[in-house]
C-alpha atoms as a PDB file:
ATOM      1  CA  MET A   1      22.792 -19.340 -16.408  1.00  0.00           C
ATOM      2  CA  THR A   2      22.757 -18.088 -12.260  1.00  0.00           C
ATOM      3  CA  CYS A   3      24.705 -15.586 -14.125  1.00  0.00           C
ATOM      4  CA  ALA A   4      22.526 -14.240 -16.974  1.00  0.00           C
ATOM      5  CA  ILE A   5      19.500 -14.675 -14.519  1.00  0.00           C
ATOM      6  CA  ALA A   6      20.883 -12.156 -11.988  1.00  0.00           C
ATOM      7  CA  THR A   7      21.968  -9.833 -14.620  1.00  0.00           C
ATOM      8  CA  LEU A   8      18.590  -9.778 -15.766  1.00  0.00           C
ATOM      9  CA  GLU A   9      17.086  -9.262 -12.418  1.00  0.00           C
ATOM     10  CA  LYS A  10      19.185  -6.322 -11.951  1.00  0.00           C
ATOM     11  CA  CYS A  11      18.490  -4.760 -15.319  1.00  0.00           C
ATOM     12  CA  TRP A  12      14.871  -5.688 -14.450  1.00  0.00           C
ATOM     13  CA  TYR A  13      13.670  -2.932 -13.126  1.00  0.00           C
ATOM     14  CA  LEU A  14      15.182  -0.400 -14.959  1.00  0.00           C
ATOM     15  CA  SER A  15      13.098  -0.998 -18.042  1.00  0.00           C
ATOM     16  CA  PRO A  16      10.644   1.072 -18.597  1.00  0.00           C
ATOM     17  CA  PRO A  17       7.398  -0.768 -19.256  1.00  0.00           C
ATOM     18  CA  TRP A  18       6.342   1.733 -21.976  1.00  0.00           C
ATOM     19  CA  GLY A  19       9.178   1.381 -23.982  1.00  0.00           C
ATOM     20  CA  GLN A  20      11.466   4.170 -25.006  1.00  0.00           C
ATOM     21  CA  PRO A  21      10.249   7.836 -24.488  1.00  0.00           C
ATOM     22  CA  MET A  22       7.712   7.885 -21.317  1.00  0.00           C
ATOM     23  CA  PRO A  23       3.937   8.704 -23.087  1.00  0.00           C
ATOM     24  CA  LEU A  24       2.644  11.870 -22.394  1.00  0.00           C
ATOM     25  CA  LEU A  25       0.121  12.692 -19.528  1.00  0.00           C
ATOM     26  CA  GLU A  26      -3.422  13.873 -20.343  1.00  0.00           C
ATOM     27  CA  VAL A  27      -3.525  15.611 -17.055  1.00  0.00           C
ATOM     28  CA  ASN A  28      -1.669  17.318 -14.602  1.00  0.00           C
ATOM     29  CA  LEU A  29      -1.515  16.252 -10.779  1.00  0.00           C
ATOM     30  CA  SER A  30      -4.817  18.265  -9.212  1.00  0.00           C
ATOM     31  CA  GLU A  31      -6.059  19.254 -12.191  1.00  0.00           C
ATOM     32  CA  LYS A  32     -10.161  19.381 -12.794  1.00  0.00           C
ATOM     33  CA  VAL A  33     -11.277  16.788 -14.872  1.00  0.00           C
ATOM     34  CA  TYR A  34     -14.729  15.724 -16.741  1.00  0.00           C
ATOM     35  CA  LEU A  35     -16.317  12.748 -15.652  1.00  0.00           C
ATOM     36  CA  THR A  36     -17.409  11.593 -19.150  1.00  0.00           C
ATOM     37  CA  ASP A  37     -19.429   8.909 -17.646  1.00  0.00           C
ATOM     38  CA  SER A  38     -21.239  10.041 -15.164  1.00  0.00           C
ATOM     39  CA  GLY A  39     -21.312  14.245 -16.408  1.00  0.00           C
ATOM     40  CA  THR A  40     -19.201  15.342 -13.090  1.00  0.00           C
ATOM     41  CA  PHE A  41     -16.419  16.906 -11.871  1.00  0.00           C
ATOM     42  CA  GLY A  42     -13.369  15.729 -10.456  1.00  0.00           C
ATOM     43  CA  TYR A  43      -9.786  16.518  -9.532  1.00  0.00           C
ATOM     44  CA  CYS A  44      -6.895  14.273 -10.153  1.00  0.00           C
ATOM     45  CA  CYS A  45      -5.006  12.915  -7.444  1.00  0.00           C
ATOM     46  CA  GLY A  46      -2.598  10.101  -8.793  1.00  0.00           C
ATOM     47  CA  VAL A  47      -1.527   8.239 -12.385  1.00  0.00           C
ATOM     48  CA  LEU A  48      -0.155   5.009 -12.463  1.00  0.00           C
ATOM     49  CA  TRP A  49       1.301   3.032 -15.761  1.00  0.00           C
ATOM     50  CA  GLN A  50      -1.329  -0.197 -15.665  1.00  0.00           C
ATOM     51  CA  GLU A  51      -1.769  -2.475 -18.344  1.00  0.00           C
ATOM     52  CA  ASP A  52       0.373  -0.670 -20.915  1.00  0.00           C
ATOM     53  CA  GLU A  53      -1.664   2.483 -20.314  1.00  0.00           C
ATOM     54  CA  TRP A  54      -1.638   5.417 -18.106  1.00  0.00           C
ATOM     55  CA  VAL A  55      -4.586   4.808 -15.540  1.00  0.00           C
ATOM     56  CA  TYR A  56      -5.586   7.848 -13.539  1.00  0.00           C
ATOM     57  CA  ALA A  57      -7.135   8.271  -9.665  1.00  0.00           C
ATOM     58  CA  ILE A  58      -9.947  11.371  -9.933  1.00  0.00           C
ATOM     59  CA  ASN A  59     -11.436  12.436  -6.654  1.00  0.00           C
ATOM     60  CA  CYS A  60     -14.875  12.939  -7.849  1.00  0.00           C
ATOM     61  CA  VAL A  61     -16.911  15.829  -6.569  1.00  0.00           C
ATOM     62  CA  ASP A  62     -20.537  15.119  -5.314  1.00  0.00           C
ATOM     63  CA  ALA A  63     -22.319  17.680  -7.182  1.00  0.00           C
ATOM     64  CA  SER A  64     -25.766  17.553  -5.158  1.00  0.00           C
ATOM     65  CA  ARG A  65     -23.547  18.746  -2.192  1.00  0.00           C
ATOM     66  CA  LEU A  66     -20.800  20.609  -4.035  1.00  0.00           C
ATOM     67  CA  VAL A  67     -17.791  19.395  -2.293  1.00  0.00           C
ATOM     68  CA  VAL A  68     -15.089  16.592  -2.426  1.00  0.00           C
ATOM     69  CA  ARG A  69     -15.644  12.986  -1.345  1.00  0.00           C
ATOM     70  CA  HIS A  70     -12.385  12.685   0.525  1.00  0.00           C
ATOM     71  CA  ARG A  71     -12.968   8.892   0.255  1.00  0.00           C
ATOM     72  CA  SER A  72     -14.388   8.515  -3.148  1.00  0.00           C
ATOM     73  CA  ILE A  73     -11.589   7.640  -5.448  1.00  0.00           C
ATOM     74  CA  THR A  74     -11.838   5.914  -8.564  1.00  0.00           C
ATOM     75  CA  TYR A  75      -9.439   5.206 -11.094  1.00  0.00           C
ATOM     76  CA  PHE A  76      -9.937   5.714 -14.890  1.00  0.00           C
ATOM     77  CA  THR A  77      -8.068   5.826 -18.370  1.00  0.00           C
ATOM     78  CA  LYS A  78      -7.711   9.123 -20.895  1.00  0.00           C
ATOM     79  CA  HIS A  79     -10.357   7.859 -22.636  1.00  0.00           C
ATOM     80  CA  GLU A  80     -13.038   8.377 -19.800  1.00  0.00           C
ATOM     81  CA  ILE A  81     -11.938  12.018 -18.430  1.00  0.00           C
ATOM     82  CA  ILE A  82     -11.726  15.423 -19.629  1.00  0.00           C
ATOM     83  CA  GLY A  83      -8.720  17.623 -18.710  1.00  0.00           C
ATOM     84  CA  THR A  84     -10.277  21.410 -17.901  1.00  0.00           C
ATOM     85  CA  GLY A  85      -6.811  23.019 -17.874  1.00  0.00           C
ATOM     86  CA  ARG A  86      -7.652  24.082 -14.101  1.00  0.00           C
ATOM     87  CA  VAL A  87      -4.842  23.336 -11.235  1.00  0.00           C
ATOM     88  CA  GLN A  88      -6.353  23.154  -8.164  1.00  0.00           C
ATOM     89  CA  SER A  89      -4.881  25.281  -6.131  1.00  0.00           C
ATOM     90  CA  THR A  90      -3.680  23.020  -2.586  1.00  0.00           C
ATOM     91  CA  TYR A  91      -1.281  23.719   0.847  1.00  0.00           C
ATOM     92  CA  LEU A  92       0.299  20.358  -0.272  1.00  0.00           C
ATOM     93  CA  ARG A  93       3.518  19.844  -1.340  1.00  0.00           C
ATOM     94  CA  LYS A  94       4.788  18.944  -4.530  1.00  0.00           C
ATOM     95  CA  PRO A  95       5.984  15.104  -4.346  1.00  0.00           C
ATOM     96  CA  ALA A  96       9.397  14.893  -3.834  1.00  0.00           C
ATOM     97  CA  PHE A  97       9.178  12.449  -7.204  1.00  0.00           C
ATOM     98  CA  VAL A  98       8.279  12.409 -10.917  1.00  0.00           C
ATOM     99  CA  LEU A  99       7.198   9.723 -13.046  1.00  0.00           C
ATOM    100  CA  GLY A 100      10.358   7.762 -14.815  1.00  0.00           C
ATOM    101  CA  ASP A 101      12.675   8.967 -11.725  1.00  0.00           C
ATOM    102  CA  ARG A 102      14.928   5.941 -10.486  1.00  0.00           C
ATOM    103  CA  VAL A 103      15.017   5.345  -6.925  1.00  0.00           C
ATOM    104  CA  MET A 104      16.416   2.583  -4.494  1.00  0.00           C
ATOM    105  CA  LEU A 105      14.146   1.472  -1.921  1.00  0.00           C
ATOM    106  CA  ARG A 106      16.043   1.820   1.816  1.00  0.00           C
ATOM    107  CA  PHE A 107      14.036  -1.904   3.285  1.00  0.00           C
ATOM    108  CA  ASP A 108      15.614  -3.887   0.037  1.00  0.00           C
ATOM    109  CA  SER A 109      17.831  -6.783   0.946  1.00  0.00           C
ATOM    110  CA  HIS A 110      19.263  -6.252  -2.363  1.00  0.00           C
ATOM    111  CA  ALA A 111      19.598  -2.441  -2.432  1.00  0.00           C
ATOM    112  CA  THR A 112      21.582  -2.458  -5.601  1.00  0.00           C
ATOM    113  CA  LYS A 113      18.658  -2.541  -7.368  1.00  0.00           C
ATOM    114  CA  GLN A 114      17.817   0.610  -8.773  1.00  0.00           C
ATOM    115  CA  ARG A 115      13.775   0.820  -9.859  1.00  0.00           C
ATOM    116  CA  LEU A 116      11.573   3.539 -11.521  1.00  0.00           C
ATOM    117  CA  ILE A 117       8.515   5.609 -10.113  1.00  0.00           C
ATOM    118  CA  LEU A 118       5.852   4.082 -12.496  1.00  0.00           C
ATOM    119  CA  GLY A 119       3.050   6.201 -10.855  1.00  0.00           C
ATOM    120  CA  ILE A 120       2.192   8.840  -7.722  1.00  0.00           C
ATOM    121  CA  VAL A 121      -0.735   8.681  -5.516  1.00  0.00           C
ATOM    122  CA  LEU A 122      -2.335  11.283  -2.887  1.00  0.00           C
ATOM    123  CA  VAL A 123      -3.458   9.113  -0.042  1.00  0.00           C
ATOM    124  CA  ASN A 124      -4.830  11.018   3.165  1.00  0.00           C
ATOM    125  CA  ASN A 125      -2.828  14.264   2.183  1.00  0.00           C
ATOM    126  CA  ALA A 126       0.296  12.020   1.796  1.00  0.00           C
ATOM    127  CA  TRP A 127       2.394  11.491  -1.674  1.00  0.00           C
ATOM    128  CA  PHE A 128       3.151   7.745  -2.399  1.00  0.00           C
ATOM    129  CA  TYR A 129       4.855   5.976  -5.244  1.00  0.00           C
ATOM    130  CA  VAL A 130       4.212   2.304  -7.436  1.00  0.00           C
ATOM    131  CA  VAL A 131       7.511   0.677  -7.880  1.00  0.00           C
ATOM    132  CA  GLU A 132       8.082  -2.628  -8.616  1.00  0.00           C
ATOM    133  CA  LEU A 133       9.097  -4.777  -6.028  1.00  0.00           C
ATOM    134  CA  MET A 134       9.689  -7.793  -7.676  1.00  0.00           C
ATOM    135  CA  SER A 135      10.212  -9.094 -11.197  1.00  0.00           C
ATOM    136  CA  PRO A 136       7.071 -11.119 -12.658  1.00  0.00           C
ATOM    137  CA  ALA A 137       7.376 -14.889 -11.995  1.00  0.00           C
ATOM    138  CA  LEU A 138       6.022 -17.598 -14.620  1.00  0.00           C
ATOM    139  CA  VAL A 139       3.855 -19.051 -11.672  1.00  0.00           C
ATOM    140  CA  GLN A 140       2.949 -16.559  -8.638  1.00  0.00           C
ATOM    141  CA  PRO A 141       2.706 -17.742  -5.108  1.00  0.00           C
ATOM    142  CA  LEU A 142      -0.934 -17.385  -3.740  1.00  0.00           C
ATOM    143  CA  ALA A 143       0.991 -15.516  -0.790  1.00  0.00           C
ATOM    144  CA  ALA A 144       3.039 -13.155  -3.060  1.00  0.00           C
ATOM    145  CA  PRO A 145       3.338  -9.627  -2.021  1.00  0.00           C
ATOM    146  CA  ALA A 146       2.177  -7.320  -4.259  1.00  0.00           C
ATOM    147  CA  ARG A 147       4.411  -6.150  -7.330  1.00  0.00           C
ATOM    148  CA  PHE A 148       3.757  -2.471  -7.431  1.00  0.00           C
ATOM    149  CA  PRO A 149       3.046  -1.575  -3.896  1.00  0.00           C
ATOM    150  CA  LEU A 150       2.412   1.983  -2.848  1.00  0.00           C
ATOM    151  CA  VAL A 151       6.092   3.701  -1.110  1.00  0.00           C
ATOM    152  CA  GLY A 152       6.194   6.021   1.163  1.00  0.00           C
ATOM    153  CA  GLU A 153       8.393   9.228   0.330  1.00  0.00           C
ATOM    154  CA  GLN A 154      10.812   7.921   3.173  1.00  0.00           C
ATOM    155  CA  ASP A 155      11.260   4.653   1.845  1.00  0.00           C
ATOM    156  CA  LEU A 156      12.507   5.516  -1.047  1.00  0.00           C
ATOM    157  CA  ILE A 157      16.777   7.040  -2.068  1.00  0.00           C
ATOM    158  CA  ARG A 158      17.112   9.221  -5.268  1.00  0.00           C
ATOM    159  CA  VAL A 159      19.425   8.093  -7.555  1.00  0.00           C
ATOM    160  CA  HIS A 160      21.407  10.376  -9.654  1.00  0.00           C
ATOM    161  CA  VAL A 161      22.172   9.484 -12.969  1.00  0.00           C
END
């Protein structure tokens, strides 16, 4: 029985939650979007897989001052935003990983476990990646770490398939 559980856990992190083909994104990173609920604009600064759909991190624009509120990042589904097709020119370099890339965690005690990039988010002008740190359990202890933490580029190793 232990062998079957170990095999399941070893393979868990490579089983994409979206099934076979990865669903298309509604908007790209740094794309200007229209927020349908508030009638304002913002820029996509992240995307992550959550509860069976892509969720977009939008850096909102204050229409009254025409400035980007850097601390005002809100999360929306594809039904709440409309992409404009205009990508904001940025001085930031592109993310090192893309959605669906295979990676390993440098600090993981079980270093053979490959994982998938399930999200990319811009935080304080640096790209962070969402990976599944632990498989779901039937009973989560109260002190359990976050299942999908944000991980810095320096903590990930690219896996070439």
